mmCIF file of all heavy atoms, coordinates in Angstrom:
data_MODEL
# 
_entry.id   MODEL 
# 
loop_
_atom_site.group_PDB 
_atom_site.id 
_atom_site.type_symbol 
_atom_site.label_atom_id 
_atom_site.label_alt_id 
_atom_site.label_comp_id 
_atom_site.label_asym_id 
_atom_site.label_entity_id 
_atom_site.label_seq_id 
_atom_site.pdbx_PDB_ins_code 
_atom_site.Cartn_x 
_atom_site.Cartn_y 
_atom_site.Cartn_z 
_atom_site.occupancy 
_atom_site.B_iso_or_equiv 
_atom_site.pdbx_formal_charge 
_atom_site.auth_seq_id 
_atom_site.auth_comp_id 
_atom_site.auth_asym_id 
_atom_site.auth_atom_id 
_atom_site.pdbx_PDB_model_num 
ATOM 1   N N   . ASP A 1 1  ? -88.428  4.322   -21.194 1.00 0.00 ? 1  ASP A N   1 
ATOM 2   C CA  . ASP A 1 1  ? -88.673  4.398   -19.731 1.00 0.00 ? 1  ASP A CA  1 
ATOM 3   C C   . ASP A 1 1  ? -89.899  5.197   -19.453 1.00 0.00 ? 1  ASP A C   1 
ATOM 4   O O   . ASP A 1 1  ? -90.379  5.953   -20.243 1.00 0.00 ? 1  ASP A O   1 
ATOM 5   C CB  . ASP A 1 1  ? -87.507  4.883   -18.994 1.00 0.00 ? 1  ASP A CB  1 
ATOM 6   C CG  . ASP A 1 1  ? -86.978  6.198   -19.440 1.00 0.00 ? 1  ASP A CG  1 
ATOM 7   O OD1 . ASP A 1 1  ? -87.788  7.093   -19.818 1.00 0.00 ? 1  ASP A OD1 1 
ATOM 8   O OD2 . ASP A 1 1  ? -85.752  6.421   -19.579 1.00 0.00 ? 1  ASP A OD2 1 
ATOM 9   N N   . GLU A 1 2  ? -90.421  5.030   -18.315 1.00 0.00 ? 2  GLU A N   1 
ATOM 10  C CA  . GLU A 1 2  ? -91.486  5.824   -17.750 1.00 0.00 ? 2  GLU A CA  1 
ATOM 11  C C   . GLU A 1 2  ? -91.170  6.043   -16.263 1.00 0.00 ? 2  GLU A C   1 
ATOM 12  O O   . GLU A 1 2  ? -91.218  5.058   -15.543 1.00 0.00 ? 2  GLU A O   1 
ATOM 13  C CB  . GLU A 1 2  ? -92.847  5.121   -17.841 1.00 0.00 ? 2  GLU A CB  1 
ATOM 14  C CG  . GLU A 1 2  ? -93.988  5.954   -17.360 1.00 0.00 ? 2  GLU A CG  1 
ATOM 15  C CD  . GLU A 1 2  ? -95.318  5.178   -17.551 1.00 0.00 ? 2  GLU A CD  1 
ATOM 16  O OE1 . GLU A 1 2  ? -95.651  4.789   -18.682 1.00 0.00 ? 2  GLU A OE1 1 
ATOM 17  O OE2 . GLU A 1 2  ? -95.982  4.943   -16.486 1.00 0.00 ? 2  GLU A OE2 1 
ATOM 18  N N   . VAL A 1 3  ? -90.824  7.275   -15.928 1.00 0.00 ? 3  VAL A N   1 
ATOM 19  C CA  . VAL A 1 3  ? -90.533  7.506   -14.543 1.00 0.00 ? 3  VAL A CA  1 
ATOM 20  C C   . VAL A 1 3  ? -91.449  8.624   -14.056 1.00 0.00 ? 3  VAL A C   1 
ATOM 21  O O   . VAL A 1 3  ? -91.655  9.638   -14.703 1.00 0.00 ? 3  VAL A O   1 
ATOM 22  C CB  . VAL A 1 3  ? -89.035  7.995   -14.434 1.00 0.00 ? 3  VAL A CB  1 
ATOM 23  C CG1 . VAL A 1 3  ? -88.662  8.369   -12.981 1.00 0.00 ? 3  VAL A CG1 1 
ATOM 24  C CG2 . VAL A 1 3  ? -88.108  6.929   -14.937 1.00 0.00 ? 3  VAL A CG2 1 
ATOM 25  N N   . ARG A 1 4  ? -91.989  8.405   -12.806 1.00 0.00 ? 4  ARG A N   1 
ATOM 26  C CA  . ARG A 1 4  ? -92.918  9.360   -12.189 1.00 0.00 ? 4  ARG A CA  1 
ATOM 27  C C   . ARG A 1 4  ? -92.159  10.109  -11.102 1.00 0.00 ? 4  ARG A C   1 
ATOM 28  O O   . ARG A 1 4  ? -91.908  9.525   -10.006 1.00 0.00 ? 4  ARG A O   1 
ATOM 29  C CB  . ARG A 1 4  ? -94.093  8.592   -11.622 1.00 0.00 ? 4  ARG A CB  1 
ATOM 30  C CG  . ARG A 1 4  ? -94.926  7.860   -12.687 1.00 0.00 ? 4  ARG A CG  1 
ATOM 31  C CD  . ARG A 1 4  ? -95.898  6.876   -11.991 1.00 0.00 ? 4  ARG A CD  1 
ATOM 32  N NE  . ARG A 1 4  ? -96.190  5.817   -12.909 1.00 0.00 ? 4  ARG A NE  1 
ATOM 33  C CZ  . ARG A 1 4  ? -95.539  4.661   -12.907 1.00 0.00 ? 4  ARG A CZ  1 
ATOM 34  N NH1 . ARG A 1 4  ? -94.531  4.479   -12.094 1.00 0.00 ? 4  ARG A NH1 1 
ATOM 35  N NH2 . ARG A 1 4  ? -95.832  3.697   -13.749 1.00 0.00 ? 4  ARG A NH2 1 
ATOM 36  N N   . PRO A 1 5  ? -91.671  11.306  -11.435 1.00 0.00 ? 5  PRO A N   1 
ATOM 37  C CA  . PRO A 1 5  ? -90.859  12.015  -10.404 1.00 0.00 ? 5  PRO A CA  1 
ATOM 38  C C   . PRO A 1 5  ? -91.542  12.227  -9.055  1.00 0.00 ? 5  PRO A C   1 
ATOM 39  O O   . PRO A 1 5  ? -90.911  12.175  -8.019  1.00 0.00 ? 5  PRO A O   1 
ATOM 40  C CB  . PRO A 1 5  ? -90.520  13.328  -11.065 1.00 0.00 ? 5  PRO A CB  1 
ATOM 41  C CG  . PRO A 1 5  ? -90.720  13.079  -12.554 1.00 0.00 ? 5  PRO A CG  1 
ATOM 42  C CD  . PRO A 1 5  ? -91.763  12.013  -12.613 1.00 0.00 ? 5  PRO A CD  1 
ATOM 43  N N   . ALA A 1 6  ? -92.837  12.431  -9.065  1.00 0.00 ? 6  ALA A N   1 
ATOM 44  C CA  . ALA A 1 6  ? -93.563  12.738  -7.805  1.00 0.00 ? 6  ALA A CA  1 
ATOM 45  C C   . ALA A 1 6  ? -93.475  11.568  -6.791  1.00 0.00 ? 6  ALA A C   1 
ATOM 46  O O   . ALA A 1 6  ? -93.487  11.771  -5.627  1.00 0.00 ? 6  ALA A O   1 
ATOM 47  C CB  . ALA A 1 6  ? -95.020  13.071  -8.129  1.00 0.00 ? 6  ALA A CB  1 
ATOM 48  N N   . THR A 1 7  ? -93.487  10.349  -7.406  1.00 0.00 ? 7  THR A N   1 
ATOM 49  C CA  . THR A 1 7  ? -93.405  9.132   -6.507  1.00 0.00 ? 7  THR A CA  1 
ATOM 50  C C   . THR A 1 7  ? -92.084  8.372   -6.599  1.00 0.00 ? 7  THR A C   1 
ATOM 51  O O   . THR A 1 7  ? -91.884  7.485   -5.838  1.00 0.00 ? 7  THR A O   1 
ATOM 52  C CB  . THR A 1 7  ? -94.554  8.144   -6.841  1.00 0.00 ? 7  THR A CB  1 
ATOM 53  O OG1 . THR A 1 7  ? -94.403  7.753   -8.268  1.00 0.00 ? 7  THR A OG1 1 
ATOM 54  C CG2 . THR A 1 7  ? -95.917  8.795   -6.694  1.00 0.00 ? 7  THR A CG2 1 
ATOM 55  N N   . ALA A 1 8  ? -91.209  8.818   -7.449  1.00 0.00 ? 8  ALA A N   1 
ATOM 56  C CA  . ALA A 1 8  ? -89.923  8.185   -7.670  1.00 0.00 ? 8  ALA A CA  1 
ATOM 57  C C   . ALA A 1 8  ? -90.099  6.766   -8.064  1.00 0.00 ? 8  ALA A C   1 
ATOM 58  O O   . ALA A 1 8  ? -89.314  5.857   -7.661  1.00 0.00 ? 8  ALA A O   1 
ATOM 59  C CB  . ALA A 1 8  ? -89.048  8.377   -6.471  1.00 0.00 ? 8  ALA A CB  1 
ATOM 60  N N   . THR A 1 9  ? -91.142  6.438   -8.836  1.00 0.00 ? 9  THR A N   1 
ATOM 61  C CA  . THR A 1 9  ? -91.402  5.090   -9.211  1.00 0.00 ? 9  THR A CA  1 
ATOM 62  C C   . THR A 1 9  ? -91.492  5.028   -10.782 1.00 0.00 ? 9  THR A C   1 
ATOM 63  O O   . THR A 1 9  ? -91.487  6.081   -11.445 1.00 0.00 ? 9  THR A O   1 
ATOM 64  C CB  . THR A 1 9  ? -92.698  4.501   -8.705  1.00 0.00 ? 9  THR A CB  1 
ATOM 65  O OG1 . THR A 1 9  ? -93.790  5.350   -9.119  1.00 0.00 ? 9  THR A OG1 1 
ATOM 66  C CG2 . THR A 1 9  ? -92.688  4.366   -7.178  1.00 0.00 ? 9  THR A CG2 1 
ATOM 67  N N   . GLY A 1 10 ? -91.426  3.859   -11.389 1.00 0.00 ? 10 GLY A N   1 
ATOM 68  C CA  . GLY A 1 10 ? -91.506  3.711   -12.877 1.00 0.00 ? 10 GLY A CA  1 
ATOM 69  C C   . GLY A 1 10 ? -90.836  2.535   -13.281 1.00 0.00 ? 10 GLY A C   1 
ATOM 70  O O   . GLY A 1 10 ? -90.632  1.529   -12.563 1.00 0.00 ? 10 GLY A O   1 
ATOM 71  N N   . TRP A 1 11 ? -90.308  2.578   -14.481 1.00 0.00 ? 11 TRP A N   1 
ATOM 72  C CA  . TRP A 1 11 ? -89.595  1.394   -15.093 1.00 0.00 ? 11 TRP A CA  1 
ATOM 73  C C   . TRP A 1 11 ? -88.721  1.861   -16.265 1.00 0.00 ? 11 TRP A C   1 
ATOM 74  O O   . TRP A 1 11 ? -88.877  2.968   -16.773 1.00 0.00 ? 11 TRP A O   1 
ATOM 75  C CB  . TRP A 1 11 ? -90.644  0.347   -15.558 1.00 0.00 ? 11 TRP A CB  1 
ATOM 76  C CG  . TRP A 1 11 ? -91.666  0.883   -16.483 1.00 0.00 ? 11 TRP A CG  1 
ATOM 77  C CD1 . TRP A 1 11 ? -92.895  1.289   -16.162 1.00 0.00 ? 11 TRP A CD1 1 
ATOM 78  C CD2 . TRP A 1 11 ? -91.593  1.034   -17.921 1.00 0.00 ? 11 TRP A CD2 1 
ATOM 79  N NE1 . TRP A 1 11 ? -93.517  1.698   -17.330 1.00 0.00 ? 11 TRP A NE1 1 
ATOM 80  C CE2 . TRP A 1 11 ? -92.789  1.605   -18.441 1.00 0.00 ? 11 TRP A CE2 1 
ATOM 81  C CE3 . TRP A 1 11 ? -90.528  0.810   -18.836 1.00 0.00 ? 11 TRP A CE3 1 
ATOM 82  C CZ2 . TRP A 1 11 ? -93.041  1.848   -19.774 1.00 0.00 ? 11 TRP A CZ2 1 
ATOM 83  C CZ3 . TRP A 1 11 ? -90.784  1.052   -20.201 1.00 0.00 ? 11 TRP A CZ3 1 
ATOM 84  C CH2 . TRP A 1 11 ? -91.984  1.541   -20.602 1.00 0.00 ? 11 TRP A CH2 1 
ATOM 85  N N   . THR A 1 12 ? -87.834  0.975   -16.592 1.00 0.00 ? 12 THR A N   1 
ATOM 86  C CA  . THR A 1 12 ? -86.914  1.239   -17.726 1.00 0.00 ? 12 THR A CA  1 
ATOM 87  C C   . THR A 1 12 ? -86.646  -0.060  -18.451 1.00 0.00 ? 12 THR A C   1 
ATOM 88  O O   . THR A 1 12 ? -86.566  -1.084  -17.789 1.00 0.00 ? 12 THR A O   1 
ATOM 89  C CB  . THR A 1 12 ? -85.556  1.896   -17.228 1.00 0.00 ? 12 THR A CB  1 
ATOM 90  O OG1 . THR A 1 12 ? -84.735  2.016   -18.345 1.00 0.00 ? 12 THR A OG1 1 
ATOM 91  C CG2 . THR A 1 12 ? -84.886  0.969   -16.199 1.00 0.00 ? 12 THR A CG2 1 
ATOM 92  N N   . VAL A 1 13 ? -86.668  -0.076  -19.760 1.00 0.00 ? 13 VAL A N   1 
ATOM 93  C CA  . VAL A 1 13 ? -86.493  -1.259  -20.616 1.00 0.00 ? 13 VAL A CA  1 
ATOM 94  C C   . VAL A 1 13 ? -85.479  -0.887  -21.691 1.00 0.00 ? 13 VAL A C   1 
ATOM 95  O O   . VAL A 1 13 ? -85.522  0.124   -22.341 1.00 0.00 ? 13 VAL A O   1 
ATOM 96  C CB  . VAL A 1 13 ? -87.873  -1.697  -21.186 1.00 0.00 ? 13 VAL A CB  1 
ATOM 97  C CG1 . VAL A 1 13 ? -87.627  -2.797  -22.238 1.00 0.00 ? 13 VAL A CG1 1 
ATOM 98  C CG2 . VAL A 1 13 ? -88.781  -2.173  -20.171 1.00 0.00 ? 13 VAL A CG2 1 
ATOM 99  N N   . THR A 1 14 ? -84.628  -1.887  -21.996 1.00 0.00 ? 14 THR A N   1 
ATOM 100 C CA  . THR A 1 14 ? -83.637  -1.761  -23.066 1.00 0.00 ? 14 THR A CA  1 
ATOM 101 C C   . THR A 1 14 ? -83.721  -3.048  -23.902 1.00 0.00 ? 14 THR A C   1 
ATOM 102 O O   . THR A 1 14 ? -83.698  -4.164  -23.303 1.00 0.00 ? 14 THR A O   1 
ATOM 103 C CB  . THR A 1 14 ? -82.254  -1.594  -22.489 1.00 0.00 ? 14 THR A CB  1 
ATOM 104 O OG1 . THR A 1 14 ? -82.167  -0.436  -21.721 1.00 0.00 ? 14 THR A OG1 1 
ATOM 105 C CG2 . THR A 1 14 ? -81.225  -1.428  -23.655 1.00 0.00 ? 14 THR A CG2 1 
ATOM 106 N N   . VAL A 1 15 ? -83.895  -2.929  -25.202 1.00 0.00 ? 15 VAL A N   1 
ATOM 107 C CA  . VAL A 1 15 ? -83.837  -4.056  -26.070 1.00 0.00 ? 15 VAL A CA  1 
ATOM 108 C C   . VAL A 1 15 ? -82.690  -3.804  -27.083 1.00 0.00 ? 15 VAL A C   1 
ATOM 109 O O   . VAL A 1 15 ? -82.387  -2.635  -27.365 1.00 0.00 ? 15 VAL A O   1 
ATOM 110 C CB  . VAL A 1 15 ? -85.165  -4.228  -26.877 1.00 0.00 ? 15 VAL A CB  1 
ATOM 111 C CG1 . VAL A 1 15 ? -86.326  -4.697  -25.888 1.00 0.00 ? 15 VAL A CG1 1 
ATOM 112 C CG2 . VAL A 1 15 ? -85.638  -3.073  -27.613 1.00 0.00 ? 15 VAL A CG2 1 
ATOM 113 N N   . ALA A 1 16 ? -82.138  -4.862  -27.576 1.00 0.00 ? 16 ALA A N   1 
ATOM 114 C CA  . ALA A 1 16 ? -81.055  -4.794  -28.536 1.00 0.00 ? 16 ALA A CA  1 
ATOM 115 C C   . ALA A 1 16 ? -81.203  -5.931  -29.491 1.00 0.00 ? 16 ALA A C   1 
ATOM 116 O O   . ALA A 1 16 ? -81.647  -7.085  -29.127 1.00 0.00 ? 16 ALA A O   1 
ATOM 117 C CB  . ALA A 1 16 ? -79.682  -4.899  -27.861 1.00 0.00 ? 16 ALA A CB  1 
ATOM 118 N N   . GLY A 1 17 ? -80.808  -5.704  -30.780 1.00 0.00 ? 17 GLY A N   1 
ATOM 119 C CA  . GLY A 1 17 ? -80.837  -6.799  -31.733 1.00 0.00 ? 17 GLY A CA  1 
ATOM 120 C C   . GLY A 1 17 ? -80.584  -6.206  -33.122 1.00 0.00 ? 17 GLY A C   1 
ATOM 121 O O   . GLY A 1 17 ? -80.300  -5.078  -33.376 1.00 0.00 ? 17 GLY A O   1 
ATOM 122 N N   . ARG A 1 18 ? -80.833  -7.128  -34.083 1.00 0.00 ? 18 ARG A N   1 
ATOM 123 C CA  . ARG A 1 18 ? -80.662  -6.858  -35.493 1.00 0.00 ? 18 ARG A CA  1 
ATOM 124 C C   . ARG A 1 18 ? -81.728  -5.860  -35.950 1.00 0.00 ? 18 ARG A C   1 
ATOM 125 O O   . ARG A 1 18 ? -82.839  -5.848  -35.401 1.00 0.00 ? 18 ARG A O   1 
ATOM 126 C CB  . ARG A 1 18 ? -80.856  -8.134  -36.321 1.00 0.00 ? 18 ARG A CB  1 
ATOM 127 C CG  . ARG A 1 18 ? -79.741  -9.136  -36.127 1.00 0.00 ? 18 ARG A CG  1 
ATOM 128 C CD  . ARG A 1 18 ? -79.994  -10.426 -36.933 1.00 0.00 ? 18 ARG A CD  1 
ATOM 129 N NE  . ARG A 1 18 ? -81.200  -11.066 -36.269 1.00 0.00 ? 18 ARG A NE  1 
ATOM 130 C CZ  . ARG A 1 18 ? -82.359  -11.230 -36.837 1.00 0.00 ? 18 ARG A CZ  1 
ATOM 131 N NH1 . ARG A 1 18 ? -82.524  -10.936 -38.122 1.00 0.00 ? 18 ARG A NH1 1 
ATOM 132 N NH2 . ARG A 1 18 ? -83.357  -11.835 -36.302 1.00 0.00 ? 18 ARG A NH2 1 
ATOM 133 N N   . VAL A 1 19 ? -81.359  -4.939  -36.858 1.00 0.00 ? 19 VAL A N   1 
ATOM 134 C CA  . VAL A 1 19 ? -82.271  -3.907  -37.278 1.00 0.00 ? 19 VAL A CA  1 
ATOM 135 C C   . VAL A 1 19 ? -82.154  -3.774  -38.820 1.00 0.00 ? 19 VAL A C   1 
ATOM 136 O O   . VAL A 1 19 ? -81.120  -4.029  -39.419 1.00 0.00 ? 19 VAL A O   1 
ATOM 137 C CB  . VAL A 1 19 ? -81.973  -2.600  -36.567 1.00 0.00 ? 19 VAL A CB  1 
ATOM 138 C CG1 . VAL A 1 19 ? -80.665  -1.991  -37.100 1.00 0.00 ? 19 VAL A CG1 1 
ATOM 139 C CG2 . VAL A 1 19 ? -83.049  -1.570  -36.794 1.00 0.00 ? 19 VAL A CG2 1 
ATOM 140 N N   . GLY A 1 20 ? -83.291  -3.460  -39.450 1.00 0.00 ? 20 GLY A N   1 
ATOM 141 C CA  . GLY A 1 20 ? -83.340  -3.211  -40.830 1.00 0.00 ? 20 GLY A CA  1 
ATOM 142 C C   . GLY A 1 20 ? -84.163  -1.991  -41.117 1.00 0.00 ? 20 GLY A C   1 
ATOM 143 O O   . GLY A 1 20 ? -85.107  -1.632  -40.399 1.00 0.00 ? 20 GLY A O   1 
ATOM 144 N N   . VAL A 1 21 ? -83.738  -1.251  -42.163 1.00 0.00 ? 21 VAL A N   1 
ATOM 145 C CA  . VAL A 1 21 ? -84.482  -0.106  -42.597 1.00 0.00 ? 21 VAL A CA  1 
ATOM 146 C C   . VAL A 1 21 ? -85.707  -0.504  -43.438 1.00 0.00 ? 21 VAL A C   1 
ATOM 147 O O   . VAL A 1 21 ? -85.558  -1.360  -44.329 1.00 0.00 ? 21 VAL A O   1 
ATOM 148 C CB  . VAL A 1 21 ? -83.607  0.834   -43.430 1.00 0.00 ? 21 VAL A CB  1 
ATOM 149 C CG1 . VAL A 1 21 ? -84.362  2.049   -44.003 1.00 0.00 ? 21 VAL A CG1 1 
ATOM 150 C CG2 . VAL A 1 21 ? -82.426  1.313   -42.549 1.00 0.00 ? 21 VAL A CG2 1 
ATOM 151 N N   . ILE A 1 22 ? -86.836  0.018   -43.150 1.00 0.00 ? 22 ILE A N   1 
ATOM 152 C CA  . ILE A 1 22 ? -88.061  -0.258  -43.907 1.00 0.00 ? 22 ILE A CA  1 
ATOM 153 C C   . ILE A 1 22 ? -88.093  0.539   -45.129 1.00 0.00 ? 22 ILE A C   1 
ATOM 154 O O   . ILE A 1 22 ? -88.123  1.771   -45.069 1.00 0.00 ? 22 ILE A O   1 
ATOM 155 C CB  . ILE A 1 22 ? -89.334  -0.088  -43.048 1.00 0.00 ? 22 ILE A CB  1 
ATOM 156 C CG1 . ILE A 1 22 ? -89.274  -1.027  -41.836 1.00 0.00 ? 22 ILE A CG1 1 
ATOM 157 C CG2 . ILE A 1 22 ? -90.670  -0.318  -43.895 1.00 0.00 ? 22 ILE A CG2 1 
ATOM 158 C CD1 . ILE A 1 22 ? -90.346  -0.774  -40.771 1.00 0.00 ? 22 ILE A CD1 1 
ATOM 159 N N   . THR A 1 23 ? -88.117  -0.121  -46.298 1.00 0.00 ? 23 THR A N   1 
ATOM 160 C CA  . THR A 1 23 ? -88.096  0.632   -47.552 1.00 0.00 ? 23 THR A CA  1 
ATOM 161 C C   . THR A 1 23 ? -89.315  0.327   -48.504 1.00 0.00 ? 23 THR A C   1 
ATOM 162 O O   . THR A 1 23 ? -89.488  1.179   -49.392 1.00 0.00 ? 23 THR A O   1 
ATOM 163 C CB  . THR A 1 23 ? -86.790  0.314   -48.333 1.00 0.00 ? 23 THR A CB  1 
ATOM 164 O OG1 . THR A 1 23 ? -86.790  -1.107  -48.558 1.00 0.00 ? 23 THR A OG1 1 
ATOM 165 C CG2 . THR A 1 23 ? -85.606  0.748   -47.594 1.00 0.00 ? 23 THR A CG2 1 
ATOM 166 N N   . ASP A 1 24 ? -90.053  -0.694  -48.296 1.00 0.00 ? 24 ASP A N   1 
ATOM 167 C CA  . ASP A 1 24 ? -91.203  -1.031  -49.127 1.00 0.00 ? 24 ASP A CA  1 
ATOM 168 C C   . ASP A 1 24 ? -92.166  0.136   -48.990 1.00 0.00 ? 24 ASP A C   1 
ATOM 169 O O   . ASP A 1 24 ? -92.620  0.467   -47.905 1.00 0.00 ? 24 ASP A O   1 
ATOM 170 C CB  . ASP A 1 24 ? -91.889  -2.294  -48.636 1.00 0.00 ? 24 ASP A CB  1 
ATOM 171 C CG  . ASP A 1 24 ? -93.079  -2.633  -49.432 1.00 0.00 ? 24 ASP A CG  1 
ATOM 172 O OD1 . ASP A 1 24 ? -93.019  -3.073  -50.529 1.00 0.00 ? 24 ASP A OD1 1 
ATOM 173 O OD2 . ASP A 1 24 ? -94.233  -2.350  -48.834 1.00 0.00 ? 24 ASP A OD2 1 
ATOM 174 N N   . PRO A 1 25 ? -92.594  0.717   -50.155 1.00 0.00 ? 25 PRO A N   1 
ATOM 175 C CA  . PRO A 1 25 ? -93.451  1.954   -50.075 1.00 0.00 ? 25 PRO A CA  1 
ATOM 176 C C   . PRO A 1 25 ? -94.838  1.750   -49.360 1.00 0.00 ? 25 PRO A C   1 
ATOM 177 O O   . PRO A 1 25 ? -95.209  2.588   -48.638 1.00 0.00 ? 25 PRO A O   1 
ATOM 178 C CB  . PRO A 1 25 ? -93.719  2.210   -51.627 1.00 0.00 ? 25 PRO A CB  1 
ATOM 179 C CG  . PRO A 1 25 ? -92.597  1.578   -52.332 1.00 0.00 ? 25 PRO A CG  1 
ATOM 180 C CD  . PRO A 1 25 ? -92.184  0.377   -51.493 1.00 0.00 ? 25 PRO A CD  1 
ATOM 181 N N   . ASP A 1 26 ? -95.402  0.548   -49.565 1.00 0.00 ? 26 ASP A N   1 
ATOM 182 C CA  . ASP A 1 26 ? -96.669  0.230   -48.846 1.00 0.00 ? 26 ASP A CA  1 
ATOM 183 C C   . ASP A 1 26 ? -96.465  0.219   -47.340 1.00 0.00 ? 26 ASP A C   1 
ATOM 184 O O   . ASP A 1 26 ? -97.251  0.713   -46.580 1.00 0.00 ? 26 ASP A O   1 
ATOM 185 C CB  . ASP A 1 26 ? -97.314  -0.971  -49.336 1.00 0.00 ? 26 ASP A CB  1 
ATOM 186 C CG  . ASP A 1 26 ? -97.810  -0.827  -50.765 1.00 0.00 ? 26 ASP A CG  1 
ATOM 187 O OD1 . ASP A 1 26 ? -98.140  0.375   -51.200 1.00 0.00 ? 26 ASP A OD1 1 
ATOM 188 O OD2 . ASP A 1 26 ? -97.860  -1.775  -51.498 1.00 0.00 ? 26 ASP A OD2 1 
ATOM 189 N N   . GLU A 1 27 ? -95.428  -0.499  -46.927 1.00 0.00 ? 27 GLU A N   1 
ATOM 190 C CA  . GLU A 1 27 ? -95.063  -0.556  -45.555 1.00 0.00 ? 27 GLU A CA  1 
ATOM 191 C C   . GLU A 1 27 ? -94.710  0.720   -44.912 1.00 0.00 ? 27 GLU A C   1 
ATOM 192 O O   . GLU A 1 27 ? -95.049  1.140   -43.800 1.00 0.00 ? 27 GLU A O   1 
ATOM 193 C CB  . GLU A 1 27 ? -94.001  -1.644  -45.265 1.00 0.00 ? 27 GLU A CB  1 
ATOM 194 C CG  . GLU A 1 27 ? -93.905  -2.021  -43.844 1.00 0.00 ? 27 GLU A CG  1 
ATOM 195 C CD  . GLU A 1 27 ? -92.983  -3.199  -43.565 1.00 0.00 ? 27 GLU A CD  1 
ATOM 196 O OE1 . GLU A 1 27 ? -92.335  -3.705  -44.527 1.00 0.00 ? 27 GLU A OE1 1 
ATOM 197 O OE2 . GLU A 1 27 ? -92.846  -3.600  -42.385 1.00 0.00 ? 27 GLU A OE2 1 
ATOM 198 N N   . VAL A 1 28 ? -93.885  1.519   -45.651 1.00 0.00 ? 28 VAL A N   1 
ATOM 199 C CA  . VAL A 1 28 ? -93.550  2.864   -45.209 1.00 0.00 ? 28 VAL A CA  1 
ATOM 200 C C   . VAL A 1 28 ? -94.749  3.723   -44.986 1.00 0.00 ? 28 VAL A C   1 
ATOM 201 O O   . VAL A 1 28 ? -94.922  4.348   -44.011 1.00 0.00 ? 28 VAL A O   1 
ATOM 202 C CB  . VAL A 1 28 ? -92.606  3.524   -46.218 1.00 0.00 ? 28 VAL A CB  1 
ATOM 203 C CG1 . VAL A 1 28 ? -92.483  5.027   -45.891 1.00 0.00 ? 28 VAL A CG1 1 
ATOM 204 C CG2 . VAL A 1 28 ? -91.214  2.899   -46.203 1.00 0.00 ? 28 VAL A CG2 1 
ATOM 205 N N   . ALA A 1 29 ? -95.706  3.694   -45.921 1.00 0.00 ? 29 ALA A N   1 
ATOM 206 C CA  . ALA A 1 29 ? -96.970  4.530   -45.788 1.00 0.00 ? 29 ALA A CA  1 
ATOM 207 C C   . ALA A 1 29 ? -97.689  4.027   -44.552 1.00 0.00 ? 29 ALA A C   1 
ATOM 208 O O   . ALA A 1 29 ? -98.244  4.885   -43.807 1.00 0.00 ? 29 ALA A O   1 
ATOM 209 C CB  . ALA A 1 29 ? -97.797  4.379   -47.097 1.00 0.00 ? 29 ALA A CB  1 
ATOM 210 N N   . HIS A 1 30 ? -97.844  2.764   -44.415 1.00 0.00 ? 30 HIS A N   1 
ATOM 211 C CA  . HIS A 1 30 ? -98.588  2.250   -43.202 1.00 0.00 ? 30 HIS A CA  1 
ATOM 212 C C   . HIS A 1 30 ? -97.871  2.678   -41.937 1.00 0.00 ? 30 HIS A C   1 
ATOM 213 O O   . HIS A 1 30 ? -98.563  3.147   -41.013 1.00 0.00 ? 30 HIS A O   1 
ATOM 214 C CB  . HIS A 1 30 ? -98.650  0.702   -43.323 1.00 0.00 ? 30 HIS A CB  1 
ATOM 215 C CG  . HIS A 1 30 ? -99.168  0.079   -42.009 1.00 0.00 ? 30 HIS A CG  1 
ATOM 216 N ND1 . HIS A 1 30 ? -100.485 0.119   -41.671 1.00 0.00 ? 30 HIS A ND1 1 
ATOM 217 C CD2 . HIS A 1 30 ? -98.502  -0.537  -41.008 1.00 0.00 ? 30 HIS A CD2 1 
ATOM 218 C CE1 . HIS A 1 30 ? -100.703 -0.440  -40.493 1.00 0.00 ? 30 HIS A CE1 1 
ATOM 219 N NE2 . HIS A 1 30 ? -99.482  -0.845  -40.055 1.00 0.00 ? 30 HIS A NE2 1 
# 
């Protein structure tokens, strides 16, 4: 989310789904 208290405006986003842990050493380094 990004909320601007001074103006009481902003946005909020929620995503959900399948997840995997990244383990490939090159991809981890990147």
